[in-house]
N, C-alpha and C. Protein backbone atom coordinates (compact mmCIF):
# COMPACT_ATOMS: atom_id res chain seq x y z
N MET A 1 -26.33 -39.56 -21.83
CA MET A 1 -27.82 -39.71 -20.31
C MET A 1 -29.09 -40.31 -21.34
N ASN A 2 -29.53 -38.41 -22.14
CA ASN A 2 -30.86 -39.72 -22.14
C ASN A 2 -30.84 -39.41 -23.91
N LYS A 3 -31.51 -39.55 -24.67
CA LYS A 3 -31.45 -38.74 -26.20
C LYS A 3 -33.74 -38.78 -26.28
N TYR A 4 -33.55 -37.28 -27.01
CA TYR A 4 -35.53 -37.31 -27.34
C TYR A 4 -35.22 -37.26 -28.97
N GLN A 5 -36.16 -37.29 -29.06
CA GLN A 5 -36.55 -36.79 -30.59
C GLN A 5 -37.82 -35.59 -30.46
N TYR A 6 -37.64 -34.82 -31.20
CA TYR A 6 -39.19 -33.19 -30.89
C TYR A 6 -38.95 -33.08 -31.92
N LYS A 7 -40.07 -32.93 -32.67
CA LYS A 7 -40.81 -32.34 -34.09
C LYS A 7 -41.92 -30.63 -33.14
N ILE A 8 -41.05 -29.77 -33.94
CA ILE A 8 -41.35 -28.37 -33.16
C ILE A 8 -41.68 -27.71 -34.22
N GLN A 9 -42.91 -26.92 -34.97
CA GLN A 9 -42.95 -26.30 -35.89
C GLN A 9 -42.44 -27.71 -36.63
N GLY A 10 -43.01 -28.47 -37.26
CA GLY A 10 -42.75 -28.87 -38.15
C GLY A 10 -40.90 -30.56 -38.67
N VAL A 11 -39.92 -29.46 -37.66
CA VAL A 11 -38.55 -29.09 -37.88
C VAL A 11 -37.88 -30.55 -36.93
N ASP A 12 -37.37 -31.76 -38.13
CA ASP A 12 -37.27 -32.97 -36.10
C ASP A 12 -35.82 -32.47 -36.35
N TYR A 13 -36.04 -32.60 -34.17
CA TYR A 13 -34.91 -32.23 -33.61
C TYR A 13 -34.22 -32.96 -32.69
N ASP A 14 -32.52 -34.42 -33.42
CA ASP A 14 -32.38 -34.96 -31.80
C ASP A 14 -31.46 -34.13 -31.00
N VAL A 15 -32.22 -34.68 -29.82
CA VAL A 15 -31.78 -34.03 -29.13
C VAL A 15 -30.85 -34.87 -27.91
N GLU A 16 -29.97 -35.01 -27.31
CA GLU A 16 -29.06 -36.14 -26.60
C GLU A 16 -29.18 -35.01 -25.09
N ILE A 17 -29.34 -35.32 -23.76
CA ILE A 17 -28.34 -34.41 -23.23
C ILE A 17 -27.96 -35.54 -22.16
N GLU A 18 -26.59 -34.34 -22.07
CA GLU A 18 -25.42 -35.32 -21.64
C GLU A 18 -24.55 -35.25 -20.93
N GLU A 19 -25.14 -34.04 -19.98
CA GLU A 19 -25.12 -34.32 -17.93
C GLU A 19 -25.58 -33.28 -17.74
N VAL A 20 -26.01 -32.73 -16.58
CA VAL A 20 -27.10 -31.66 -15.94
C VAL A 20 -26.40 -32.23 -14.58
N GLU A 21 -25.83 -30.75 -14.07
CA GLU A 21 -24.53 -30.61 -12.68
C GLU A 21 -25.36 -28.96 -12.45
N GLY A 22 -25.99 -29.44 -11.16
CA GLY A 22 -27.23 -28.25 -10.77
C GLY A 22 -27.81 -27.84 -10.99
N ASN A 23 -27.87 -26.67 -12.09
CA ASN A 23 -29.06 -26.12 -12.90
C ASN A 23 -28.37 -25.87 -14.46
N VAL A 24 -27.15 -25.93 -14.82
CA VAL A 24 -26.62 -26.13 -16.18
C VAL A 24 -27.03 -27.18 -16.53
N ALA A 25 -27.40 -27.88 -17.68
CA ALA A 25 -27.14 -28.87 -18.78
C ALA A 25 -26.95 -28.62 -19.81
N LYS A 26 -25.99 -29.85 -20.00
CA LYS A 26 -25.45 -29.87 -21.42
C LYS A 26 -25.42 -30.75 -22.35
N VAL A 27 -26.43 -30.30 -23.71
CA VAL A 27 -27.34 -30.43 -24.37
C VAL A 27 -25.94 -30.65 -25.73
N ASN A 28 -26.85 -31.50 -26.69
CA ASN A 28 -26.42 -31.64 -28.15
C ASN A 28 -28.19 -31.29 -29.38
N VAL A 29 -28.03 -30.61 -29.77
CA VAL A 29 -29.61 -30.79 -30.85
C VAL A 29 -28.96 -30.01 -31.80
N ASN A 30 -29.46 -31.77 -32.77
CA ASN A 30 -28.95 -32.32 -33.93
C ASN A 30 -27.71 -31.86 -34.08
N GLY A 31 -27.26 -32.44 -33.29
CA GLY A 31 -25.19 -32.10 -33.36
C GLY A 31 -24.46 -30.58 -33.00
N ILE A 32 -25.29 -29.75 -32.80
CA ILE A 32 -24.87 -28.83 -32.21
C ILE A 32 -24.44 -28.64 -30.41
N ARG A 33 -23.52 -28.09 -29.97
CA ARG A 33 -23.88 -29.23 -27.78
C ARG A 33 -23.94 -26.70 -27.53
N PHE A 34 -24.74 -26.85 -26.55
CA PHE A 34 -25.59 -26.44 -26.31
C PHE A 34 -25.51 -27.07 -24.58
N ASP A 35 -25.10 -25.48 -23.80
CA ASP A 35 -25.24 -25.27 -22.21
C ASP A 35 -26.93 -24.30 -22.33
N VAL A 36 -27.85 -25.10 -21.03
CA VAL A 36 -28.80 -24.96 -21.40
C VAL A 36 -28.95 -24.72 -20.04
N GLU A 37 -29.03 -23.25 -18.84
CA GLU A 37 -29.57 -23.39 -18.08
C GLU A 37 -31.59 -23.16 -17.80
N LEU A 38 -31.40 -23.68 -16.54
CA LEU A 38 -32.52 -24.33 -16.26
C LEU A 38 -32.60 -23.30 -15.09
N LYS A 39 -33.97 -23.25 -15.30
CA LYS A 39 -34.73 -22.51 -14.16
C LYS A 39 -34.78 -22.42 -12.89
N GLN A 40 -34.78 -23.96 -12.56
CA GLN A 40 -34.79 -24.97 -11.54
C GLN A 40 -34.09 -26.19 -11.94
N PRO A 41 -32.74 -26.61 -10.74
CA PRO A 41 -32.14 -27.93 -10.63
C PRO A 41 -33.25 -28.84 -10.79
N ILE A 42 -32.52 -30.12 -11.90
CA ILE A 42 -33.40 -31.32 -11.42
C ILE A 42 -32.05 -32.38 -11.53
N ASN A 43 -33.27 -33.27 -10.59
CA ASN A 43 -32.13 -34.59 -10.30
C ASN A 43 -31.46 -35.49 -11.43
N PRO A 44 -30.33 -36.04 -12.11
CA PRO A 44 -30.73 -37.06 -13.26
C PRO A 44 -31.31 -37.75 -12.67
N THR A 45 -31.43 -37.97 -12.32
CA THR A 45 -31.23 -39.82 -11.35
C THR A 45 -32.94 -39.78 -11.00
N SER A 46 -33.97 -38.44 -11.23
CA SER A 46 -35.79 -38.72 -10.64
C SER A 46 -35.28 -38.54 -12.29
N THR A 47 -36.53 -38.68 -12.63
CA THR A 47 -38.16 -39.13 -14.57
C THR A 47 -37.66 -37.57 -14.49
N LEU A 48 -37.49 -36.97 -15.72
CA LEU A 48 -37.96 -35.51 -16.27
C LEU A 48 -38.98 -35.13 -16.32
N LYS A 49 -38.92 -34.15 -15.31
CA LYS A 49 -39.79 -33.32 -15.17
C LYS A 49 -39.82 -31.61 -16.34
N LYS A 50 -41.20 -31.46 -16.58
CA LYS A 50 -41.86 -30.09 -16.94
C LYS A 50 -41.03 -29.21 -16.56
N VAL A 51 -40.50 -28.36 -17.31
CA VAL A 51 -39.03 -27.41 -16.33
C VAL A 51 -39.23 -26.48 -17.84
N HIS A 52 -39.04 -25.43 -17.33
CA HIS A 52 -39.23 -23.64 -18.26
C HIS A 52 -38.00 -24.23 -18.30
N VAL A 53 -37.25 -23.46 -19.01
CA VAL A 53 -36.01 -24.03 -20.33
C VAL A 53 -36.13 -22.69 -21.02
N GLU A 54 -34.54 -21.89 -20.22
CA GLU A 54 -34.35 -20.21 -21.57
C GLU A 54 -33.92 -20.87 -22.47
N ALA A 55 -34.03 -19.54 -23.57
CA ALA A 55 -33.03 -20.29 -24.60
C ALA A 55 -31.88 -20.90 -25.15
N PRO A 56 -31.87 -21.93 -25.68
CA PRO A 56 -29.71 -22.22 -25.49
C PRO A 56 -29.23 -20.45 -26.63
N LYS A 57 -27.34 -20.65 -26.31
CA LYS A 57 -26.81 -20.09 -26.48
C LYS A 57 -25.80 -20.88 -27.48
N PRO A 58 -25.90 -20.65 -28.83
CA PRO A 58 -24.86 -21.54 -29.70
C PRO A 58 -23.62 -20.83 -29.27
N VAL A 59 -23.05 -22.23 -29.58
CA VAL A 59 -21.38 -22.35 -28.83
C VAL A 59 -20.83 -21.99 -30.00
N ALA A 60 -19.86 -20.76 -29.55
CA ALA A 60 -18.47 -20.09 -30.53
C ALA A 60 -18.08 -21.19 -31.32
N ARG A 61 -18.24 -20.67 -32.46
CA ARG A 61 -16.60 -21.38 -33.48
C ARG A 61 -15.13 -20.71 -34.42
N PRO A 62 -14.76 -21.12 -34.26
CA PRO A 62 -14.33 -20.59 -34.89
C PRO A 62 -14.41 -20.54 -37.00
N ALA A 63 -14.01 -19.50 -36.94
CA ALA A 63 -13.81 -19.32 -39.00
C ALA A 63 -12.71 -20.11 -38.62
N VAL A 64 -13.33 -20.84 -40.40
CA VAL A 64 -13.37 -21.66 -41.09
C VAL A 64 -12.08 -21.02 -42.43
N GLU A 65 -10.57 -21.24 -41.98
CA GLU A 65 -9.58 -20.40 -42.61
C GLU A 65 -9.14 -20.87 -44.35
N PRO A 66 -8.77 -20.45 -44.89
CA PRO A 66 -7.87 -20.71 -46.17
C PRO A 66 -6.92 -21.76 -46.13
N ALA A 67 -6.52 -22.51 -47.16
CA ALA A 67 -4.78 -23.37 -46.57
C ALA A 67 -3.69 -22.12 -46.94
N VAL A 68 -4.35 -21.96 -48.57
CA VAL A 68 -3.81 -20.27 -48.27
C VAL A 68 -4.59 -18.92 -49.15
N ALA A 69 -4.32 -17.90 -47.78
CA ALA A 69 -4.70 -16.63 -48.08
C ALA A 69 -4.47 -15.78 -49.55
N PRO A 70 -6.35 -15.36 -50.48
CA PRO A 70 -5.50 -14.96 -51.92
C PRO A 70 -5.38 -14.33 -51.72
N ALA A 71 -5.43 -13.53 -52.40
CA ALA A 71 -4.16 -11.79 -52.95
C ALA A 71 -6.29 -11.09 -52.89
N ALA A 72 -6.11 -9.66 -52.12
CA ALA A 72 -6.45 -9.06 -52.21
C ALA A 72 -6.98 -7.87 -52.10
N ASP A 73 -7.25 -6.51 -53.06
CA ASP A 73 -6.97 -5.02 -53.31
C ASP A 73 -6.24 -4.58 -52.23
N LYS A 74 -7.87 -4.58 -51.55
CA LYS A 74 -7.51 -3.96 -49.64
C LYS A 74 -7.48 -4.65 -48.63
N PRO A 75 -6.92 -4.94 -48.20
CA PRO A 75 -6.91 -5.79 -46.60
C PRO A 75 -8.32 -5.55 -46.51
N MET A 76 -9.04 -7.07 -45.86
CA MET A 76 -9.75 -6.39 -45.01
C MET A 76 -9.98 -7.55 -44.01
N ALA A 77 -9.85 -6.88 -42.43
CA ALA A 77 -9.54 -7.97 -41.42
C ALA A 77 -10.62 -9.45 -41.46
N ALA A 78 -10.83 -10.17 -40.57
CA ALA A 78 -11.32 -11.48 -41.41
C ALA A 78 -12.95 -11.53 -40.26
N GLY A 79 -13.90 -11.57 -40.77
CA GLY A 79 -14.84 -11.68 -40.56
C GLY A 79 -15.94 -10.08 -39.83
N THR A 80 -15.22 -9.59 -41.02
CA THR A 80 -16.56 -8.29 -41.28
C THR A 80 -16.58 -7.89 -42.18
N GLY A 81 -18.17 -6.70 -42.10
CA GLY A 81 -19.33 -6.98 -42.85
C GLY A 81 -19.98 -7.51 -42.11
N ALA A 82 -21.16 -8.03 -43.38
CA ALA A 82 -22.67 -7.64 -43.75
C ALA A 82 -22.38 -9.57 -43.30
N ALA A 83 -23.87 -10.46 -42.27
CA ALA A 83 -22.96 -11.33 -41.38
C ALA A 83 -24.50 -12.09 -42.23
N ILE A 84 -24.17 -13.15 -43.32
CA ILE A 84 -25.26 -13.50 -43.66
C ILE A 84 -25.84 -15.12 -42.65
N LYS A 85 -27.43 -14.80 -42.23
CA LYS A 85 -27.62 -16.45 -41.44
C LYS A 85 -28.53 -17.08 -42.38
N ALA A 86 -28.64 -18.01 -41.41
CA ALA A 86 -29.27 -18.69 -41.22
C ALA A 86 -30.28 -18.39 -41.24
N PRO A 87 -31.65 -18.65 -42.20
CA PRO A 87 -32.70 -18.52 -42.55
C PRO A 87 -34.23 -19.46 -42.17
N LEU A 88 -33.33 -20.72 -41.55
CA LEU A 88 -34.03 -22.13 -40.89
C LEU A 88 -32.67 -23.23 -40.60
N PRO A 89 -32.92 -23.83 -39.39
CA PRO A 89 -32.16 -24.82 -38.50
C PRO A 89 -32.66 -26.56 -39.68
N GLY A 90 -30.90 -26.17 -40.66
CA GLY A 90 -30.89 -27.42 -41.29
C GLY A 90 -29.09 -28.18 -41.26
N THR A 91 -29.12 -28.72 -42.35
CA THR A 91 -27.55 -28.31 -42.97
C THR A 91 -26.90 -28.45 -43.97
N ILE A 92 -26.22 -27.60 -43.55
CA ILE A 92 -24.76 -27.82 -45.33
C ILE A 92 -24.06 -28.15 -45.61
N THR A 93 -25.39 -28.72 -46.87
CA THR A 93 -24.89 -29.25 -48.50
C THR A 93 -23.69 -29.18 -49.12
N GLU A 94 -23.21 -27.72 -49.25
CA GLU A 94 -22.34 -26.61 -50.13
C GLU A 94 -21.86 -26.06 -49.76
N VAL A 95 -20.93 -24.96 -49.77
CA VAL A 95 -20.49 -24.11 -49.64
C VAL A 95 -19.71 -23.72 -51.05
N LYS A 96 -20.80 -22.46 -51.37
CA LYS A 96 -19.98 -23.15 -53.20
C LYS A 96 -18.57 -21.59 -53.09
N VAL A 97 -18.91 -20.47 -52.39
CA VAL A 97 -17.73 -19.74 -52.32
C VAL A 97 -16.87 -19.85 -50.55
N ASN A 98 -15.67 -19.51 -51.34
CA ASN A 98 -14.09 -19.56 -50.39
C ASN A 98 -14.03 -17.56 -49.63
N VAL A 99 -13.01 -18.03 -48.72
CA VAL A 99 -12.31 -16.46 -47.85
C VAL A 99 -11.86 -15.82 -49.21
N GLY A 100 -12.26 -14.50 -49.31
CA GLY A 100 -11.57 -13.46 -50.55
C GLY A 100 -11.79 -13.20 -52.03
N ASP A 101 -13.23 -13.98 -52.08
CA ASP A 101 -14.36 -14.10 -53.39
C ASP A 101 -15.10 -13.34 -53.45
N THR A 102 -14.94 -12.81 -54.11
CA THR A 102 -16.12 -11.42 -54.56
C THR A 102 -17.27 -11.88 -55.28
N VAL A 103 -18.77 -11.70 -54.68
CA VAL A 103 -19.67 -12.00 -54.66
C VAL A 103 -20.74 -10.80 -54.32
N LYS A 104 -21.96 -11.32 -55.58
CA LYS A 104 -23.39 -9.89 -56.09
C LYS A 104 -23.84 -10.47 -55.22
N GLN A 105 -24.92 -9.04 -54.95
CA GLN A 105 -26.08 -9.44 -54.30
C GLN A 105 -26.85 -10.40 -54.85
N GLY A 106 -27.81 -11.19 -54.60
CA GLY A 106 -27.94 -12.72 -54.90
C GLY A 106 -27.40 -13.54 -55.77
N ASP A 107 -26.28 -14.15 -55.45
CA ASP A 107 -24.98 -15.43 -55.93
C ASP A 107 -25.22 -15.91 -55.40
N VAL A 108 -25.45 -17.33 -56.00
CA VAL A 108 -25.75 -18.78 -54.54
C VAL A 108 -24.43 -18.84 -54.02
N VAL A 109 -24.01 -18.75 -52.08
CA VAL A 109 -22.84 -18.52 -51.97
C VAL A 109 -23.27 -19.98 -51.03
N LEU A 110 -23.95 -20.36 -50.49
CA LEU A 110 -24.19 -22.15 -50.04
C LEU A 110 -25.15 -22.92 -49.98
N VAL A 111 -25.72 -24.00 -49.96
CA VAL A 111 -27.49 -24.43 -49.70
C VAL A 111 -26.65 -25.77 -48.60
N LEU A 112 -28.15 -25.92 -48.33
CA LEU A 112 -28.76 -25.56 -47.15
C LEU A 112 -29.84 -26.26 -46.80
N GLU A 113 -29.93 -28.13 -46.65
CA GLU A 113 -30.76 -28.58 -46.17
C GLU A 113 -31.98 -28.68 -45.46
N ALA A 114 -33.05 -28.34 -45.31
CA ALA A 114 -33.61 -28.72 -44.29
C ALA A 114 -35.31 -28.41 -44.85
N MET A 115 -35.51 -29.51 -44.25
CA MET A 115 -37.08 -30.27 -44.37
C MET A 115 -36.75 -30.76 -45.40
N LYS A 116 -35.41 -31.03 -45.60
CA LYS A 116 -35.75 -33.04 -47.15
C LYS A 116 -35.23 -31.95 -48.17
N MET A 117 -35.05 -30.71 -47.77
CA MET A 117 -35.52 -30.00 -49.66
C MET A 117 -33.91 -29.08 -49.81
N GLN A 118 -33.62 -29.32 -51.03
CA GLN A 118 -32.23 -27.76 -50.54
C GLN A 118 -32.32 -26.06 -50.88
N ASN A 119 -32.64 -25.67 -50.44
CA ASN A 119 -32.36 -23.94 -49.94
C ASN A 119 -31.42 -23.45 -50.64
N ASN A 120 -31.34 -22.58 -51.65
CA ASN A 120 -30.04 -21.69 -52.00
C ASN A 120 -29.90 -20.91 -50.55
N ILE A 121 -28.68 -20.10 -50.35
CA ILE A 121 -28.53 -19.24 -49.68
C ILE A 121 -27.81 -18.29 -50.37
N GLU A 122 -28.71 -16.69 -50.89
CA GLU A 122 -28.37 -16.97 -51.21
C GLU A 122 -27.89 -14.94 -51.14
N SER A 123 -26.51 -14.36 -51.99
CA SER A 123 -26.41 -13.37 -50.57
C SER A 123 -26.61 -12.11 -50.82
N GLU A 124 -27.19 -11.07 -49.42
CA GLU A 124 -28.02 -10.57 -49.51
C GLU A 124 -26.24 -9.12 -50.26
N HIS A 125 -25.86 -8.13 -49.77
CA HIS A 125 -24.63 -7.61 -50.01
C HIS A 125 -24.05 -7.67 -51.13
N GLU A 126 -23.46 -7.09 -51.73
CA GLU A 126 -21.94 -7.40 -52.42
C GLU A 126 -21.00 -6.76 -52.36
N GLY A 127 -19.89 -8.02 -52.23
CA GLY A 127 -17.93 -7.51 -52.24
C GLY A 127 -17.60 -8.47 -52.12
N THR A 128 -16.96 -9.10 -51.07
CA THR A 128 -15.88 -9.81 -50.84
C THR A 128 -15.95 -10.62 -48.86
N VAL A 129 -15.59 -12.12 -49.75
CA VAL A 129 -16.51 -13.14 -48.39
C VAL A 129 -14.90 -12.91 -47.38
N THR A 130 -15.31 -12.28 -46.32
CA THR A 130 -14.39 -12.34 -44.79
C THR A 130 -13.86 -13.25 -44.23
N SER A 131 -15.62 -14.02 -44.18
CA SER A 131 -15.20 -15.55 -43.14
C SER A 131 -15.82 -15.98 -43.25
N ILE A 132 -15.97 -17.35 -43.46
CA ILE A 132 -17.22 -18.70 -43.37
C ILE A 132 -16.99 -18.92 -42.02
N THR A 133 -17.89 -19.55 -41.51
CA THR A 133 -18.19 -19.93 -40.11
C THR A 133 -18.11 -21.57 -39.33
N ILE A 134 -19.35 -22.04 -41.30
CA ILE A 134 -19.28 -23.15 -41.30
C ILE A 134 -18.78 -24.32 -42.15
N LYS A 135 -19.32 -25.48 -42.55
CA LYS A 135 -18.72 -26.15 -43.06
C LYS A 135 -19.85 -27.56 -43.45
N GLN A 136 -18.97 -27.85 -44.95
CA GLN A 136 -20.01 -28.91 -45.12
C GLN A 136 -20.35 -30.06 -44.48
N GLY A 137 -21.86 -29.52 -44.34
CA GLY A 137 -22.04 -32.13 -43.87
C GLY A 137 -22.84 -31.17 -42.20
N GLU A 138 -22.04 -30.06 -42.03
CA GLU A 138 -22.14 -28.86 -40.58
C GLU A 138 -23.68 -28.31 -39.82
N SER A 139 -23.93 -29.11 -39.05
CA SER A 139 -26.32 -28.41 -38.49
C SER A 139 -25.84 -27.63 -37.95
N VAL A 140 -26.56 -26.51 -38.26
CA VAL A 140 -26.43 -25.12 -38.11
C VAL A 140 -28.45 -24.58 -37.58
N MET A 141 -27.84 -23.83 -36.52
CA MET A 141 -29.83 -23.61 -36.32
C MET A 141 -30.18 -22.61 -36.70
N GLU A 142 -31.42 -22.24 -37.29
CA GLU A 142 -31.78 -20.91 -37.96
C GLU A 142 -31.27 -19.50 -36.87
N GLY A 143 -30.84 -18.29 -37.41
CA GLY A 143 -29.99 -17.17 -37.52
C GLY A 143 -28.36 -17.59 -36.70
N ALA A 144 -27.89 -18.64 -36.72
CA ALA A 144 -26.99 -19.52 -37.18
C ALA A 144 -26.06 -18.53 -37.60
N VAL A 145 -24.48 -17.26 -37.89
CA VAL A 145 -24.25 -16.52 -39.15
C VAL A 145 -23.11 -17.69 -40.02
N LEU A 146 -23.80 -17.08 -40.89
CA LEU A 146 -23.20 -18.25 -41.58
C LEU A 146 -21.45 -17.50 -42.61
N MET A 147 -21.58 -17.20 -42.68
CA MET A 147 -20.32 -16.34 -43.87
C MET A 147 -20.37 -14.75 -43.78
N THR A 148 -19.85 -13.69 -44.01
CA THR A 148 -20.11 -12.35 -43.63
C THR A 148 -19.31 -12.53 -44.55
N ILE A 149 -19.83 -11.09 -45.31
CA ILE A 149 -19.46 -10.82 -47.22
C ILE A 149 -19.23 -8.87 -45.97
N GLY A 150 -18.19 -8.68 -46.86
CA GLY A 150 -17.30 -7.14 -46.45
C GLY A 150 -17.30 -6.13 -47.53
């Protein structure tokens, strides 16, 4: 429908409004889809006006499962443990671990490109990777869960 480019606190965002039905807009922000609830409905055929929009809620993504589950000393439910979250919005350029890998605190688990800089994301916990919710090339927003370590 409409495409926009925004710069918010030094970060570039490509925003595409796909459709507006009543007070819900379906938008893509840097390739991630959101349903945004508007405080008041707008007419999609009119020019856009300033409206207050509530914070978008991320769309749930299934965990990426390995082709063959690795053998583990103790079976652990996928996704249990401490979440590693994106410290800022960006693009995943490299995932350095797999589900079932053992990591120590401070180990680099993935690389996140943000503002043309490569950022090593380190494990804040020691344990076993129980789930990975992203993949290489995917755009993520600040606070998105990248993986869990149990």
